[in-house]
Amino acid sequence: MKSARILESARTLLRDEESGQALVEFAVISTLLILLLVGIADYMIYIYQEMEVTAAAGAAATYATIPANAPVNSTNISAAEAAGRAAAPDVSNIAVTVTTVYSCSFDGSSVAKTSTCTDGYSPMLFVQVSSTGTAYDVLAWTSVASSLNLSSSALMEIPYQ
């Protein structure tokens, strides 16, 4: 009888020791899960800022090619650059550069305005935009990369010139 009581108390002790196991497993797994989720959020912030730099190039090129902004002069180019910077408010030190180029093809290769293309036509006028900015690690929880240089470009034909 006494041995049965001892055996029962030993079983009770074993059950009591296992009751904290789930809590320990949860603590270990939840720590890893939180680190994974923070890493994903940090990476998504970089992707969002890269999308804004790309949008800045597109916005500046679109603004410069609107027929109401013709002719393309320094005032309209400055306004196009401002429109590009406004399209990326969350990117640190965004820089947008707008230039015009004459080209015979859609690859952005430059030719003189007075030259004649191989098809016999005059060169087309394009607006070439480049945007650059710096994306900083918002959460700063690792030392992998504290900042990334982002860049994008756009090339659009200016109609009605």
C-alpha atoms as a PDB file:
ATOM      1  CA  MET A   1       0.000   0.000   0.000  1.00  0.00           C
ATOM      2  CA  LYS A   2       2.803   2.324   0.905  1.00  0.00           C
ATOM      3  CA  SER A   3       4.601   1.574  -2.352  1.00  0.00           C
ATOM      4  CA  ALA A   4       1.441   2.346  -4.320  1.00  0.00           C
ATOM      5  CA  ARG A   5       1.217   5.724  -2.622  1.00  0.00           C
ATOM      6  CA  ILE A   6       4.877   6.446  -3.453  1.00  0.00           C
ATOM      7  CA  LEU A   7       4.330   5.405  -7.077  1.00  0.00           C
ATOM      8  CA  GLU A   8       1.265   7.658  -7.319  1.00  0.00           C
ATOM      9  CA  SER A   9       3.133  10.654  -5.888  1.00  0.00           C
ATOM     10  CA  ALA A  10       5.994  10.034  -8.380  1.00  0.00           C
ATOM     11  CA  ARG A  11       3.489  10.086 -11.251  1.00  0.00           C
ATOM     12  CA  THR A  12       2.027  13.306  -9.915  1.00  0.00           C
ATOM     13  CA  LEU A  13       5.478  14.887  -9.775  1.00  0.00           C
ATOM     14  CA  LEU A  14       6.197  13.871 -13.381  1.00  0.00           C
ATOM     15  CA  ARG A  15       2.876  15.328 -14.566  1.00  0.00           C
ATOM     16  CA  ASP A  16       3.595  18.577 -12.719  1.00  0.00           C
ATOM     17  CA  GLU A  17       7.043  18.855 -14.328  1.00  0.00           C
ATOM     18  CA  GLU A  18       5.573  18.473 -17.835  1.00  0.00           C
ATOM     19  CA  SER A  19       2.936  21.150 -17.308  1.00  0.00           C
ATOM     20  CA  GLY A  20       5.467  23.974 -17.894  1.00  0.00           C
ATOM     21  CA  GLN A  21       6.793  22.419 -21.088  1.00  0.00           C
ATOM     22  CA  ALA A  22       4.181  24.065 -23.295  1.00  0.00           C
ATOM     23  CA  LEU A  23       5.022  27.474 -21.845  1.00  0.00           C
ATOM     24  CA  VAL A  24       8.739  27.008 -22.567  1.00  0.00           C
ATOM     25  CA  GLU A  25       8.046  25.825 -26.118  1.00  0.00           C
ATOM     26  CA  PHE A  26       5.767  28.801 -26.696  1.00  0.00           C
ATOM     27  CA  ALA A  27       8.442  31.216 -25.450  1.00  0.00           C
ATOM     28  CA  VAL A  28      11.069  29.769 -27.780  1.00  0.00           C
ATOM     29  CA  ILE A  29       8.814  29.601 -30.839  1.00  0.00           C
ATOM     30  CA  SER A  30       7.236  33.023 -30.299  1.00  0.00           C
ATOM     31  CA  THR A  31      10.678  34.662 -30.038  1.00  0.00           C
ATOM     32  CA  LEU A  32      11.707  33.185 -33.383  1.00  0.00           C
ATOM     33  CA  LEU A  33       8.361  34.099 -34.925  1.00  0.00           C
ATOM     34  CA  ILE A  34       8.621  37.732 -33.761  1.00  0.00           C
ATOM     35  CA  LEU A  35      12.147  38.028 -35.189  1.00  0.00           C
ATOM     36  CA  LEU A  36      10.924  36.639 -38.506  1.00  0.00           C
ATOM     37  CA  LEU A  37       7.971  39.035 -38.647  1.00  0.00           C
ATOM     38  CA  VAL A  38      10.147  42.053 -37.808  1.00  0.00           C
ATOM     39  CA  GLY A  39      12.559  41.061 -40.583  1.00  0.00           C
ATOM     40  CA  ILE A  40       9.706  40.787 -43.083  1.00  0.00           C
ATOM     41  CA  ALA A  41       8.334  44.187 -42.043  1.00  0.00           C
ATOM     42  CA  ASP A  42      11.769  45.775 -42.387  1.00  0.00           C
ATOM     43  CA  TYR A  43      12.218  44.315 -45.881  1.00  0.00           C
ATOM     44  CA  MET A  44       8.755  45.508 -46.928  1.00  0.00           C
ATOM     45  CA  ILE A  45       9.688  49.066 -45.908  1.00  0.00           C
ATOM     46  CA  TYR A  46      12.679  48.893 -48.271  1.00  0.00           C
ATOM     47  CA  ILE A  47      10.442  47.631 -51.070  1.00  0.00           C
ATOM     48  CA  TYR A  48       7.950  50.445 -50.453  1.00  0.00           C
ATOM     49  CA  GLN A  49      10.694  53.060 -50.626  1.00  0.00           C
ATOM     50  CA  GLU A  50      12.031  51.547 -53.865  1.00  0.00           C
ATOM     51  CA  MET A  51       8.521  51.806 -55.311  1.00  0.00           C
ATOM     52  CA  GLU A  52       8.414  55.490 -54.336  1.00  0.00           C
ATOM     53  CA  VAL A  53      11.736  56.186 -56.100  1.00  0.00           C
ATOM     54  CA  THR A  54      10.359  54.506 -59.221  1.00  0.00           C
ATOM     55  CA  ALA A  55       7.136  56.514 -58.912  1.00  0.00           C
ATOM     56  CA  ALA A  56       9.188  59.716 -58.631  1.00  0.00           C
ATOM     57  CA  ALA A  57      10.877  59.040 -61.978  1.00  0.00           C
ATOM     58  CA  GLY A  58       7.561  58.220 -63.609  1.00  0.00           C
ATOM     59  CA  ALA A  59       5.789  61.265 -62.175  1.00  0.00           C
ATOM     60  CA  ALA A  60       8.513  63.642 -63.325  1.00  0.00           C
ATOM     61  CA  ALA A  61       8.547  62.125 -66.823  1.00  0.00           C
ATOM     62  CA  THR A  62       4.773  62.274 -67.066  1.00  0.00           C
ATOM     63  CA  TYR A  63       4.673  65.886 -65.897  1.00  0.00           C
ATOM     64  CA  ALA A  64       7.337  66.895 -68.424  1.00  0.00           C
ATOM     65  CA  THR A  65       5.513  65.260 -71.336  1.00  0.00           C
ATOM     66  CA  ILE A  66       2.128  66.886 -70.730  1.00  0.00           C
ATOM     67  CA  PRO A  67       1.428  69.095 -73.769  1.00  0.00           C
ATOM     68  CA  ALA A  68       0.336  71.948 -71.487  1.00  0.00           C
ATOM     69  CA  ASN A  69       3.922  72.101 -70.192  1.00  0.00           C
ATOM     70  CA  ALA A  70       5.411  72.558 -73.671  1.00  0.00           C
ATOM     71  CA  PRO A  71       7.787  73.962 -74.607  1.00  0.00           C
ATOM     72  CA  VAL A  72      10.234  72.177 -72.374  1.00  0.00           C
ATOM     73  CA  ASN A  73      12.252  74.905 -70.679  1.00  0.00           C
ATOM     74  CA  SER A  74      14.060  75.334 -67.370  1.00  0.00           C
ATOM     75  CA  THR A  75      10.879  76.408 -65.569  1.00  0.00           C
ATOM     76  CA  ASN A  76       8.937  73.336 -66.692  1.00  0.00           C
ATOM     77  CA  ILE A  77      11.901  71.068 -65.976  1.00  0.00           C
ATOM     78  CA  SER A  78      12.120  72.446 -62.431  1.00  0.00           C
ATOM     79  CA  ALA A  79       8.388  71.877 -61.996  1.00  0.00           C
ATOM     80  CA  ALA A  80       8.746  68.299 -63.275  1.00  0.00           C
ATOM     81  CA  GLU A  81      11.566  67.657 -60.810  1.00  0.00           C
ATOM     82  CA  ALA A  82       9.395  69.050 -57.994  1.00  0.00           C
ATOM     83  CA  ALA A  83       6.537  66.759 -59.070  1.00  0.00           C
ATOM     84  CA  GLY A  84       8.923  63.810 -58.914  1.00  0.00           C
ATOM     85  CA  ARG A  85      10.130  64.714 -55.428  1.00  0.00           C
ATOM     86  CA  ALA A  86       6.523  65.101 -54.283  1.00  0.00           C
ATOM     87  CA  ALA A  87       5.793  61.561 -55.479  1.00  0.00           C
ATOM     88  CA  ALA A  88       8.292  60.123 -52.984  1.00  0.00           C
ATOM     89  CA  PRO A  89       7.648  61.800 -49.633  1.00  0.00           C
ATOM     90  CA  ASP A  90       8.922  58.872 -47.536  1.00  0.00           C
ATOM     91  CA  VAL A  91      12.366  58.595 -49.142  1.00  0.00           C
ATOM     92  CA  SER A  92      15.218  60.491 -47.539  1.00  0.00           C
ATOM     93  CA  ASN A  93      17.112  62.971 -49.694  1.00  0.00           C
ATOM     94  CA  ILE A  94      15.345  62.120 -52.955  1.00  0.00           C
ATOM     95  CA  ALA A  95      16.981  63.693 -55.999  1.00  0.00           C
ATOM     96  CA  VAL A  96      15.199  63.904 -59.349  1.00  0.00           C
ATOM     97  CA  THR A  97      17.034  65.008 -62.484  1.00  0.00           C
ATOM     98  CA  VAL A  98      15.186  65.773 -65.715  1.00  0.00           C
ATOM     99  CA  THR A  99      17.018  66.232 -69.013  1.00  0.00           C
ATOM    100  CA  THR A 100      15.902  66.345 -72.620  1.00  0.00           C
ATOM    101  CA  VAL A 101      17.535  64.321 -75.345  1.00  0.00           C
ATOM    102  CA  TYR A 102      16.977  63.922 -79.087  1.00  0.00           C
ATOM    103  CA  SER A 103      17.061  60.352 -80.310  1.00  0.00           C
ATOM    104  CA  CYS A 104      16.203  58.330 -83.403  1.00  0.00           C
ATOM    105  CA  SER A 105      15.124  55.301 -81.375  1.00  0.00           C
ATOM    106  CA  PHE A 106      13.453  54.527 -78.068  1.00  0.00           C
ATOM    107  CA  ASP A 107      16.673  53.463 -76.351  1.00  0.00           C
ATOM    108  CA  GLY A 108      17.670  56.954 -75.205  1.00  0.00           C
ATOM    109  CA  SER A 109      20.757  57.193 -77.402  1.00  0.00           C
ATOM    110  CA  SER A 110      21.491  60.839 -78.063  1.00  0.00           C
ATOM    111  CA  VAL A 111      21.781  62.500 -81.469  1.00  0.00           C
ATOM    112  CA  ALA A 112      21.974  66.123 -82.541  1.00  0.00           C
ATOM    113  CA  LYS A 113      18.691  67.970 -83.031  1.00  0.00           C
ATOM    114  CA  THR A 114      19.639  68.857 -86.608  1.00  0.00           C
ATOM    115  CA  SER A 115      20.634  65.327 -87.649  1.00  0.00           C
ATOM    116  CA  THR A 116      18.533  63.098 -89.869  1.00  0.00           C
ATOM    117  CA  CYS A 117      17.637  59.584 -88.760  1.00  0.00           C
ATOM    118  CA  THR A 118      18.164  56.517 -90.952  1.00  0.00           C
ATOM    119  CA  ASP A 119      14.457  56.452 -91.785  1.00  0.00           C
ATOM    120  CA  GLY A 120      14.684  60.013 -93.144  1.00  0.00           C
ATOM    121  CA  TYR A 121      12.771  61.653 -90.303  1.00  0.00           C
ATOM    122  CA  SER A 122      13.968  64.178 -87.762  1.00  0.00           C
ATOM    123  CA  PRO A 123      14.944  62.883 -84.308  1.00  0.00           C
ATOM    124  CA  MET A 124      12.280  62.609 -81.625  1.00  0.00           C
ATOM    125  CA  LEU A 125      12.489  64.645 -78.416  1.00  0.00           C
ATOM    126  CA  PHE A 126      12.578  62.618 -75.211  1.00  0.00           C
ATOM    127  CA  VAL A 127      12.619  63.491 -71.548  1.00  0.00           C
ATOM    128  CA  GLN A 128      15.055  61.396 -69.545  1.00  0.00           C
ATOM    129  CA  VAL A 129      14.541  61.261 -65.775  1.00  0.00           C
ATOM    130  CA  SER A 130      16.728  59.712 -63.110  1.00  0.00           C
ATOM    131  CA  SER A 131      15.764  59.569 -59.454  1.00  0.00           C
ATOM    132  CA  THR A 132      17.958  58.545 -56.548  1.00  0.00           C
ATOM    133  CA  GLY A 133      17.414  58.363 -52.828  1.00  0.00           C
ATOM    134  CA  THR A 134      18.509  56.611 -49.664  1.00  0.00           C
ATOM    135  CA  ALA A 135      16.402  54.146 -47.743  1.00  0.00           C
ATOM    136  CA  TYR A 136      17.322  53.813 -44.094  1.00  0.00           C
ATOM    137  CA  ASP A 137      16.656  50.851 -41.854  1.00  0.00           C
ATOM    138  CA  VAL A 138      13.629  52.081 -39.935  1.00  0.00           C
ATOM    139  CA  LEU A 139      13.677  49.447 -37.216  1.00  0.00           C
ATOM    140  CA  ALA A 140      17.507  49.318 -36.856  1.00  0.00           C
ATOM    141  CA  TRP A 141      17.442  45.915 -35.218  1.00  0.00           C
ATOM    142  CA  THR A 142      20.244  44.257 -37.183  1.00  0.00           C
ATOM    143  CA  SER A 143      23.585  45.346 -38.534  1.00  0.00           C
ATOM    144  CA  VAL A 144      22.983  43.795 -41.958  1.00  0.00           C
ATOM    145  CA  ALA A 145      22.419  47.090 -43.786  1.00  0.00           C
ATOM    146  CA  SER A 146      21.713  50.425 -42.198  1.00  0.00           C
ATOM    147  CA  SER A 147      20.939  52.128 -45.530  1.00  0.00           C
ATOM    148  CA  LEU A 148      20.445  51.306 -49.178  1.00  0.00           C
ATOM    149  CA  ASN A 149      20.964  53.528 -52.212  1.00  0.00           C
ATOM    150  CA  LEU A 150      17.911  53.415 -54.454  1.00  0.00           C
ATOM    151  CA  SER A 151      17.723  54.581 -58.065  1.00  0.00           C
ATOM    152  CA  SER A 152      15.339  54.504 -60.977  1.00  0.00           C
ATOM    153  CA  SER A 153      15.002  56.071 -64.404  1.00  0.00           C
ATOM    154  CA  ALA A 154      12.339  56.803 -66.975  1.00  0.00           C
ATOM    155  CA  LEU A 155      12.411  57.765 -70.646  1.00  0.00           C
ATOM    156  CA  MET A 156       9.350  59.205 -72.393  1.00  0.00           C
ATOM    157  CA  GLU A 157       8.830  60.809 -75.764  1.00  0.00           C
ATOM    158  CA  ILE A 158       7.619  64.406 -75.701  1.00  0.00           C
ATOM    159  CA  PRO A 159       4.770  64.661 -78.183  1.00  0.00           C
ATOM    160  CA  TYR A 160       3.866  67.710 -80.243  1.00  0.00           C
ATOM    161  CA  GLN A 161       7.327  69.236 -80.506  1.00  0.00           C
END
